[in-house]
């Protein structure tokens, strides 16, 4: 068994590693960004697949990963964990439908509410104490679901037609993640050219040119660079960074 995941600001990574540490302590987790990921998937028949939901849709990097590796999924047994800030409807179903198309067998699905990862929009911001409560509740739910899996009664969150209908109602911003975006903004007056965003970006979408970070048009909206820029110089939806955090702030 293996845990496969994509994580922007760390929420999803925390969830799958916590889940796997209880469900299969001898297993390990690997990011879809790892260059050897295809070999690891080939070697394992059972997979826990975790990702965040953006705008009630799959992050573009996750959708591309599934489709580009379509030949790997045939016959795999997959349990899906979808993390989200509020509501996604069919968060687990988004990948389940693609994976089943390529021959995978979906064991079950799980939706986990986690702290909002968007740093440059004030809407939905919560206090540190509230975010800690959210993470504690998420941890408890992950452990409960492990016990359900161990008795062969996995949850089916996000997988049936009612979830799909609910998801469609929530997908008024669906098209925002259908393609990569060119809307990443870097304040050149604030940027010090440290290169941290370059090393963090899963899309290799940022370069330092003339001692200033410069974005291209291939951003998957993971907010990794925004949440960790030491100068708060990067924004995507809003105009400036309101707050930054790491999952470790809430543990």
C-alpha atoms as a PDB file:
ATOM      1  CA  UNK A   1       0.000   0.000   0.000  1.00  0.00           C
ATOM      2  CA  UNK A   2       1.088   3.557  -0.733  1.00  0.00           C
ATOM      3  CA  UNK A   3      -0.180   7.073  -0.045  1.00  0.00           C
ATOM      4  CA  UNK A   4      -0.112   9.392  -3.068  1.00  0.00           C
ATOM      5  CA  UNK A   5      -0.878  13.074  -2.638  1.00  0.00           C
ATOM      6  CA  UNK A   6      -0.679  16.629  -3.826  1.00  0.00           C
ATOM      7  CA  UNK A   7      -0.546  19.358  -1.187  1.00  0.00           C
ATOM      8  CA  UNK A   8      -0.296  23.106  -1.663  1.00  0.00           C
ATOM      9  CA  UNK A   9       0.135  24.650   1.768  1.00  0.00           C
ATOM     10  CA  UNK A  10       0.494  21.412   3.736  1.00  0.00           C
ATOM     11  CA  UNK A  11      -3.059  20.577   4.821  1.00  0.00           C
ATOM     12  CA  UNK A  12      -3.455  17.559   2.562  1.00  0.00           C
ATOM     13  CA  UNK A  13       0.029  16.270   3.328  1.00  0.00           C
ATOM     14  CA  UNK A  14      -0.792  16.368   7.033  1.00  0.00           C
ATOM     15  CA  UNK A  15      -4.061  14.476   6.487  1.00  0.00           C
ATOM     16  CA  UNK A  16      -2.700  11.634   4.393  1.00  0.00           C
ATOM     17  CA  UNK A  17       0.356  11.126   6.600  1.00  0.00           C
ATOM     18  CA  UNK A  18      -1.796  11.048   9.728  1.00  0.00           C
ATOM     19  CA  UNK A  19      -4.209   8.646   8.026  1.00  0.00           C
ATOM     20  CA  UNK A  20      -1.499   6.298   6.775  1.00  0.00           C
ATOM     21  CA  UNK A  21       0.344   6.294  10.096  1.00  0.00           C
ATOM     22  CA  UNK A  22      -2.715   4.686  11.664  1.00  0.00           C
ATOM     23  CA  UNK A  23      -4.102   2.678   8.739  1.00  0.00           C
ATOM     24  CA  UNK A  24      -0.860   1.202   7.426  1.00  0.00           C
ATOM     25  CA  UNK A  25       2.086   2.147   9.685  1.00  0.00           C
ATOM     26  CA  UNK A  26       4.634   0.347   7.517  1.00  0.00           C
ATOM     27  CA  UNK A  27       3.607   2.175   4.348  1.00  0.00           C
ATOM     28  CA  UNK A  28       4.811   5.546   3.115  1.00  0.00           C
ATOM     29  CA  UNK A  29       3.459   8.615   1.315  1.00  0.00           C
ATOM     30  CA  UNK A  30       4.794  10.190  -1.850  1.00  0.00           C
ATOM     31  CA  UNK A  31       3.915  13.433  -3.620  1.00  0.00           C
ATOM     32  CA  UNK A  32       2.835  13.446  -7.252  1.00  0.00           C
ATOM     33  CA  UNK A  33       5.743  15.864  -7.764  1.00  0.00           C
ATOM     34  CA  UNK A  34       8.265  13.092  -7.083  1.00  0.00           C
ATOM     35  CA  UNK A  35      10.006  12.080 -10.307  1.00  0.00           C
ATOM     36  CA  UNK A  36       9.737   8.385  -9.365  1.00  0.00           C
ATOM     37  CA  UNK A  37       6.010   8.466  -8.621  1.00  0.00           C
ATOM     38  CA  UNK A  38       5.015   6.302 -11.605  1.00  0.00           C
ATOM     39  CA  UNK A  39       7.331   3.487 -10.536  1.00  0.00           C
ATOM     40  CA  UNK A  40       5.903   3.514  -7.013  1.00  0.00           C
ATOM     41  CA  UNK A  41       2.317   3.378  -8.285  1.00  0.00           C
ATOM     42  CA  UNK A  42       3.168   0.420 -10.512  1.00  0.00           C
ATOM     43  CA  UNK A  43       4.504  -1.479  -7.504  1.00  0.00           C
ATOM     44  CA  UNK A  44       1.388  -1.118  -5.331  1.00  0.00           C
ATOM     45  CA  UNK A  45      -2.104  -2.484  -5.878  1.00  0.00           C
ATOM     46  CA  UNK A  46      -3.783  -0.425  -3.150  1.00  0.00           C
ATOM     47  CA  UNK A  47      -3.479   3.344  -3.042  1.00  0.00           C
ATOM     48  CA  UNK A  48      -4.742   6.136  -0.803  1.00  0.00           C
ATOM     49  CA  UNK A  49      -4.963   9.208  -3.018  1.00  0.00           C
ATOM     50  CA  UNK A  50      -5.291  12.649  -1.406  1.00  0.00           C
ATOM     51  CA  UNK A  51      -5.605  16.166  -2.800  1.00  0.00           C
ATOM     52  CA  UNK A  52      -7.190  19.551  -1.979  1.00  0.00           C
ATOM     53  CA  UNK A  53     -10.316  20.799  -3.723  1.00  0.00           C
ATOM     54  CA  UNK A  54     -10.092  24.236  -5.359  1.00  0.00           C
ATOM     55  CA  UNK A  55     -13.284  26.034  -6.354  1.00  0.00           C
ATOM     56  CA  UNK A  56     -15.219  22.745  -6.142  1.00  0.00           C
ATOM     57  CA  UNK A  57     -12.874  21.191  -8.670  1.00  0.00           C
ATOM     58  CA  UNK A  58      -9.608  19.290  -8.945  1.00  0.00           C
ATOM     59  CA  UNK A  59      -6.438  21.374  -9.019  1.00  0.00           C
ATOM     60  CA  UNK A  60      -5.234  21.399 -12.608  1.00  0.00           C
ATOM     61  CA  UNK A  61      -1.971  19.722 -11.587  1.00  0.00           C
ATOM     62  CA  UNK A  62      -3.928  16.782 -10.107  1.00  0.00           C
ATOM     63  CA  UNK A  63      -6.191  16.385 -13.121  1.00  0.00           C
ATOM     64  CA  UNK A  64      -3.179  16.405 -15.436  1.00  0.00           C
ATOM     65  CA  UNK A  65      -1.384  13.891 -13.234  1.00  0.00           C
ATOM     66  CA  UNK A  66      -4.279  11.441 -13.422  1.00  0.00           C
ATOM     67  CA  UNK A  67      -4.737  11.749 -17.178  1.00  0.00           C
ATOM     68  CA  UNK A  68      -1.044  11.750 -18.060  1.00  0.00           C
ATOM     69  CA  UNK A  69      -0.618   8.518 -16.094  1.00  0.00           C
ATOM     70  CA  UNK A  70      -3.835   6.908 -17.320  1.00  0.00           C
ATOM     71  CA  UNK A  71      -2.185   3.544 -17.952  1.00  0.00           C
ATOM     72  CA  UNK A  72      -1.133   3.186 -14.313  1.00  0.00           C
ATOM     73  CA  UNK A  73      -4.596   3.049 -12.747  1.00  0.00           C
ATOM     74  CA  UNK A  74      -5.993  -0.138 -14.265  1.00  0.00           C
ATOM     75  CA  UNK A  75      -6.870  -2.648 -11.546  1.00  0.00           C
ATOM     76  CA  UNK A  76      -5.716  -0.402  -8.677  1.00  0.00           C
ATOM     77  CA  UNK A  77      -7.838  -0.240  -5.522  1.00  0.00           C
ATOM     78  CA  UNK A  78      -8.037   3.405  -4.500  1.00  0.00           C
ATOM     79  CA  UNK A  79      -9.381   5.196  -1.444  1.00  0.00           C
ATOM     80  CA  UNK A  80      -9.729   8.955  -1.959  1.00  0.00           C
ATOM     81  CA  UNK A  81      -9.247  11.743   0.576  1.00  0.00           C
ATOM     82  CA  UNK A  82     -10.372  15.215  -0.516  1.00  0.00           C
ATOM     83  CA  UNK A  83      -9.516  18.174   1.712  1.00  0.00           C
ATOM     84  CA  UNK A  84     -11.457  21.435   1.497  1.00  0.00           C
ATOM     85  CA  UNK A  85     -12.028  24.753   3.184  1.00  0.00           C
ATOM     86  CA  UNK A  86     -15.818  24.654   3.206  1.00  0.00           C
ATOM     87  CA  UNK A  87     -17.824  22.502   0.819  1.00  0.00           C
ATOM     88  CA  UNK A  88     -17.170  20.707  -2.430  1.00  0.00           C
ATOM     89  CA  UNK A  89     -20.144  18.385  -2.869  1.00  0.00           C
ATOM     90  CA  UNK A  90     -18.394  15.636  -4.768  1.00  0.00           C
ATOM     91  CA  UNK A  91     -14.766  16.387  -3.929  1.00  0.00           C
ATOM     92  CA  UNK A  92     -13.782  12.710  -3.907  1.00  0.00           C
ATOM     93  CA  UNK A  93     -15.983  12.028  -6.911  1.00  0.00           C
ATOM     94  CA  UNK A  94     -14.043  14.490  -9.039  1.00  0.00           C
ATOM     95  CA  UNK A  95     -11.058  12.167  -9.239  1.00  0.00           C
ATOM     96  CA  UNK A  96     -13.061   8.957  -8.793  1.00  0.00           C
ATOM     97  CA  UNK A  97     -14.835   9.411 -12.110  1.00  0.00           C
ATOM     98  CA  UNK A  98     -11.535   9.912 -13.922  1.00  0.00           C
ATOM     99  CA  UNK A  99      -9.797   7.041 -12.165  1.00  0.00           C
ATOM    100  CA  UNK A 100     -12.681   4.639 -12.879  1.00  0.00           C
ATOM    101  CA  UNK A 101     -12.534   5.694 -16.526  1.00  0.00           C
ATOM    102  CA  UNK A 102      -8.956   4.394 -16.554  1.00  0.00           C
ATOM    103  CA  UNK A 103      -9.822   1.096 -14.884  1.00  0.00           C
ATOM    104  CA  UNK A 104      -9.371   1.783 -11.171  1.00  0.00           C
ATOM    105  CA  UNK A 105     -11.646   0.356  -8.489  1.00  0.00           C
ATOM    106  CA  UNK A 106     -12.706   3.037  -5.998  1.00  0.00           C
ATOM    107  CA  UNK A 107     -12.908   1.632  -2.472  1.00  0.00           C
ATOM    108  CA  UNK A 108     -14.401   4.749  -0.875  1.00  0.00           C
ATOM    109  CA  UNK A 109     -14.146   8.484  -0.387  1.00  0.00           C
ATOM    110  CA  UNK A 110     -13.582  10.878   2.482  1.00  0.00           C
ATOM    111  CA  UNK A 111     -14.079  14.640   2.776  1.00  0.00           C
ATOM    112  CA  UNK A 112     -11.981  16.483   5.350  1.00  0.00           C
ATOM    113  CA  UNK A 113     -12.531  20.114   6.293  1.00  0.00           C
ATOM    114  CA  UNK A 114      -9.258  21.950   6.866  1.00  0.00           C
ATOM    115  CA  UNK A 115      -8.226  25.581   7.435  1.00  0.00           C
ATOM    116  CA  UNK A 116      -8.612  27.898   4.452  1.00  0.00           C
ATOM    117  CA  UNK A 117      -5.352  28.110   2.497  1.00  0.00           C
ATOM    118  CA  UNK A 118      -6.109  31.335   0.615  1.00  0.00           C
ATOM    119  CA  UNK A 119      -3.896  34.065   2.055  1.00  0.00           C
ATOM    120  CA  UNK A 120      -4.950  37.126   0.036  1.00  0.00           C
ATOM    121  CA  UNK A 121      -8.733  37.185   0.530  1.00  0.00           C
ATOM    122  CA  UNK A 122     -10.289  38.151   3.847  1.00  0.00           C
ATOM    123  CA  UNK A 123     -13.474  36.116   3.315  1.00  0.00           C
ATOM    124  CA  UNK A 124     -13.714  32.950   5.450  1.00  0.00           C
ATOM    125  CA  UNK A 125     -10.737  33.892   7.621  1.00  0.00           C
ATOM    126  CA  UNK A 126     -10.860  32.281  11.049  1.00  0.00           C
ATOM    127  CA  UNK A 127      -8.982  32.714  14.308  1.00  0.00           C
ATOM    128  CA  UNK A 128      -6.028  30.476  15.182  1.00  0.00           C
ATOM    129  CA  UNK A 129      -8.122  28.832  17.906  1.00  0.00           C
ATOM    130  CA  UNK A 130     -10.894  28.043  15.413  1.00  0.00           C
ATOM    131  CA  UNK A 131      -8.402  26.620  12.932  1.00  0.00           C
ATOM    132  CA  UNK A 132      -6.907  24.442  15.659  1.00  0.00           C
ATOM    133  CA  UNK A 133     -10.394  23.151  16.396  1.00  0.00           C
ATOM    134  CA  UNK A 134     -10.865  22.363  12.697  1.00  0.00           C
ATOM    135  CA  UNK A 135      -7.588  20.436  12.563  1.00  0.00           C
ATOM    136  CA  UNK A 136      -8.436  18.518  15.743  1.00  0.00           C
ATOM    137  CA  UNK A 137     -11.820  17.549  14.298  1.00  0.00           C
ATOM    138  CA  UNK A 138     -10.164  16.509  11.041  1.00  0.00           C
ATOM    139  CA  UNK A 139      -7.667  14.333  12.912  1.00  0.00           C
ATOM    140  CA  UNK A 140     -10.452  12.643  14.873  1.00  0.00           C
ATOM    141  CA  UNK A 141     -12.387  11.971  11.670  1.00  0.00           C
ATOM    142  CA  UNK A 142      -9.347  10.506   9.927  1.00  0.00           C
ATOM    143  CA  UNK A 143      -8.806   8.065  12.782  1.00  0.00           C
ATOM    144  CA  UNK A 144     -12.499   7.081  12.874  1.00  0.00           C
ATOM    145  CA  UNK A 145     -12.432   6.351   9.162  1.00  0.00           C
ATOM    146  CA  UNK A 146      -9.344   4.171   9.529  1.00  0.00           C
ATOM    147  CA  UNK A 147     -11.336   1.935  11.869  1.00  0.00           C
ATOM    148  CA  UNK A 148     -14.174   1.788   9.324  1.00  0.00           C
ATOM    149  CA  UNK A 149     -11.742   0.718   6.623  1.00  0.00           C
ATOM    150  CA  UNK A 150     -10.262  -1.947   8.870  1.00  0.00           C
ATOM    151  CA  UNK A 151     -13.720  -3.542   9.250  1.00  0.00           C
ATOM    152  CA  UNK A 152     -14.312  -3.229   5.501  1.00  0.00           C
ATOM    153  CA  UNK A 153     -16.916  -0.477   5.812  1.00  0.00           C
ATOM    154  CA  UNK A 154     -15.296   2.528   4.103  1.00  0.00           C
ATOM    155  CA  UNK A 155     -17.259   5.788   3.791  1.00  0.00           C
ATOM    156  CA  UNK A 156     -18.488   6.783   0.354  1.00  0.00           C
ATOM    157  CA  UNK A 157     -18.378  10.560   0.717  1.00  0.00           C
ATOM    158  CA  UNK A 158     -18.477  12.387  -2.595  1.00  0.00           C
ATOM    159  CA  UNK A 159     -19.097   9.272  -4.672  1.00  0.00           C
ATOM    160  CA  UNK A 160     -22.832   8.885  -5.284  1.00  0.00           C
ATOM    161  CA  UNK A 161     -25.203  10.848  -7.495  1.00  0.00           C
ATOM    162  CA  UNK A 162     -26.513  13.038  -4.665  1.00  0.00           C
ATOM    163  CA  UNK A 163     -22.997  14.262  -3.916  1.00  0.00           C
ATOM    164  CA  UNK A 164     -22.519  14.908  -7.619  1.00  0.00           C
ATOM    165  CA  UNK A 165     -25.677  17.019  -7.798  1.00  0.00           C
ATOM    166  CA  UNK A 166     -24.576  18.957  -4.695  1.00  0.00           C
ATOM    167  CA  UNK A 167     -21.182  19.474  -6.277  1.00  0.00           C
ATOM    168  CA  UNK A 168     -22.720  20.913  -9.439  1.00  0.00           C
ATOM    169  CA  UNK A 169     -24.589  23.483  -7.357  1.00  0.00           C
ATOM    170  CA  UNK A 170     -21.303  24.541  -5.779  1.00  0.00           C
ATOM    171  CA  UNK A 171     -19.345  24.689  -9.016  1.00  0.00           C
ATOM    172  CA  UNK A 172     -20.203  28.233 -10.066  1.00  0.00           C
ATOM    173  CA  UNK A 173     -16.431  28.888 -10.125  1.00  0.00           C
ATOM    174  CA  UNK A 174     -15.680  25.519 -11.763  1.00  0.00           C
ATOM    175  CA  UNK A 175     -13.868  26.979 -14.762  1.00  0.00           C
ATOM    176  CA  UNK A 176     -11.261  28.736 -12.603  1.00  0.00           C
ATOM    177  CA  UNK A 177      -9.276  25.508 -12.323  1.00  0.00           C
ATOM    178  CA  UNK A 178      -9.941  24.055 -15.767  1.00  0.00           C
ATOM    179  CA  UNK A 179      -6.671  25.561 -16.980  1.00  0.00           C
ATOM    180  CA  UNK A 180      -3.521  27.016 -15.473  1.00  0.00           C
ATOM    181  CA  UNK A 181      -3.635  30.718 -14.703  1.00  0.00           C
ATOM    182  CA  UNK A 182      -1.454  33.686 -15.582  1.00  0.00           C
ATOM    183  CA  UNK A 183      -2.886  35.855 -12.795  1.00  0.00           C
ATOM    184  CA  UNK A 184      -0.126  35.374 -10.215  1.00  0.00           C
ATOM    185  CA  UNK A 185       1.101  38.828  -9.200  1.00  0.00           C
ATOM    186  CA  UNK A 186       4.471  39.655  -7.654  1.00  0.00           C
ATOM    187  CA  UNK A 187       5.088  43.087  -6.148  1.00  0.00           C
ATOM    188  CA  UNK A 188       8.533  43.925  -7.500  1.00  0.00           C
ATOM    189  CA  UNK A 189       8.997  46.712  -4.953  1.00  0.00           C
ATOM    190  CA  UNK A 190       8.615  44.189  -2.109  1.00  0.00           C
ATOM    191  CA  UNK A 191      10.369  41.219  -3.720  1.00  0.00           C
ATOM    192  CA  UNK A 192      13.983  40.715  -2.598  1.00  0.00           C
ATOM    193  CA  UNK A 193      14.790  37.975  -5.111  1.00  0.00           C
ATOM    194  CA  UNK A 194      15.431  35.338  -2.446  1.00  0.00           C
ATOM    195  CA  UNK A 195      14.231  32.537  -4.751  1.00  0.00           C
ATOM    196  CA  UNK A 196      12.114  30.749  -2.141  1.00  0.00           C
ATOM    197  CA  UNK A 197       9.061  30.877  -4.399  1.00  0.00           C
ATOM    198  CA  UNK A 198      11.105  29.347  -7.233  1.00  0.00           C
ATOM    199  CA  UNK A 199      12.007  26.300  -5.155  1.00  0.00           C
ATOM    200  CA  UNK A 200       8.474  25.929  -3.770  1.00  0.00           C
ATOM    201  CA  UNK A 201       6.485  26.103  -7.004  1.00  0.00           C
ATOM    202  CA  UNK A 202       5.310  22.663  -8.204  1.00  0.00           C
ATOM    203  CA  UNK A 203       4.860  24.010 -11.731  1.00  0.00           C
ATOM    204  CA  UNK A 204       8.312  25.650 -12.082  1.00  0.00           C
ATOM    205  CA  UNK A 205       6.277  28.729 -12.917  1.00  0.00           C
ATOM    206  CA  UNK A 206       8.532  31.335 -11.282  1.00  0.00           C
ATOM    207  CA  UNK A 207      12.059  32.478 -12.116  1.00  0.00           C
ATOM    208  CA  UNK A 208      14.356  35.104 -10.600  1.00  0.00           C
ATOM    209  CA  UNK A 209      15.399  37.574 -13.285  1.00  0.00           C
ATOM    210  CA  UNK A 210      17.513  40.624 -12.458  1.00  0.00           C
ATOM    211  CA  UNK A 211      17.109  39.803  -8.745  1.00  0.00           C
ATOM    212  CA  UNK A 212      13.311  39.859  -8.923  1.00  0.00           C
ATOM    213  CA  UNK A 213      10.858  36.954  -9.054  1.00  0.00           C
ATOM    214  CA  UNK A 214       8.939  36.757 -12.313  1.00  0.00           C
ATOM    215  CA  UNK A 215       5.851  34.535 -12.834  1.00  0.00           C
ATOM    216  CA  UNK A 216       4.789  32.918 -16.088  1.00  0.00           C
ATOM    217  CA  UNK A 217       1.339  31.640 -17.083  1.00  0.00           C
ATOM    218  CA  UNK A 218       1.355  28.131 -15.612  1.00  0.00           C
ATOM    219  CA  UNK A 219       0.126  28.576 -12.029  1.00  0.00           C
ATOM    220  CA  UNK A 220      -2.007  25.787 -10.527  1.00  0.00           C
ATOM    221  CA  UNK A 221      -3.282  28.046  -7.702  1.00  0.00           C
ATOM    222  CA  UNK A 222      -1.787  25.994  -4.868  1.00  0.00           C
ATOM    223  CA  UNK A 223      -0.847  29.106  -2.840  1.00  0.00           C
ATOM    224  CA  UNK A 224       2.416  27.532  -1.726  1.00  0.00           C
ATOM    225  CA  UNK A 225       4.520  30.511  -2.755  1.00  0.00           C
ATOM    226  CA  UNK A 226       2.020  33.039  -1.401  1.00  0.00           C
ATOM    227  CA  UNK A 227       1.801  31.416   2.011  1.00  0.00           C
ATOM    228  CA  UNK A 228       5.587  31.286   2.435  1.00  0.00           C
ATOM    229  CA  UNK A 229       6.934  34.418   0.755  1.00  0.00           C
ATOM    230  CA  UNK A 230       8.983  36.172   3.493  1.00  0.00           C
ATOM    231  CA  UNK A 231       8.105  39.600   2.070  1.00  0.00           C
ATOM    232  CA  UNK A 232       4.393  38.884   1.466  1.00  0.00           C
ATOM    233  CA  UNK A 233       5.078  40.031  -2.083  1.00  0.00           C
ATOM    234  CA  UNK A 234       2.936  37.503  -3.966  1.00  0.00           C
ATOM    235  CA  UNK A 235      -0.839  37.519  -4.472  1.00  0.00           C
ATOM    236  CA  UNK A 236      -3.287  35.747  -6.742  1.00  0.00           C
ATOM    237  CA  UNK A 237      -6.950  36.556  -6.135  1.00  0.00           C
ATOM    238  CA  UNK A 238      -6.647  39.518  -3.778  1.00  0.00           C
ATOM    239  CA  UNK A 239      -4.296  42.458  -4.017  1.00  0.00           C
ATOM    240  CA  UNK A 240      -2.169  41.790  -0.942  1.00  0.00           C
ATOM    241  CA  UNK A 241      -1.459  39.066   1.603  1.00  0.00           C
ATOM    242  CA  UNK A 242      -3.672  39.280   4.675  1.00  0.00           C
ATOM    243  CA  UNK A 243      -2.179  36.405   6.625  1.00  0.00           C
ATOM    244  CA  UNK A 244       0.214  33.492   6.251  1.00  0.00           C
ATOM    245  CA  UNK A 245       0.249  30.228   8.128  1.00  0.00           C
ATOM    246  CA  UNK A 246       1.489  26.675   8.142  1.00  0.00           C
ATOM    247  CA  UNK A 247      -0.400  23.606   9.302  1.00  0.00           C
ATOM    248  CA  UNK A 248       2.127  23.423  12.140  1.00  0.00           C
ATOM    249  CA  UNK A 249       0.642  26.639  13.542  1.00  0.00           C
ATOM    250  CA  UNK A 250      -2.531  24.705  14.375  1.00  0.00           C
ATOM    251  CA  UNK A 251      -1.091  21.533  15.899  1.00  0.00           C
END
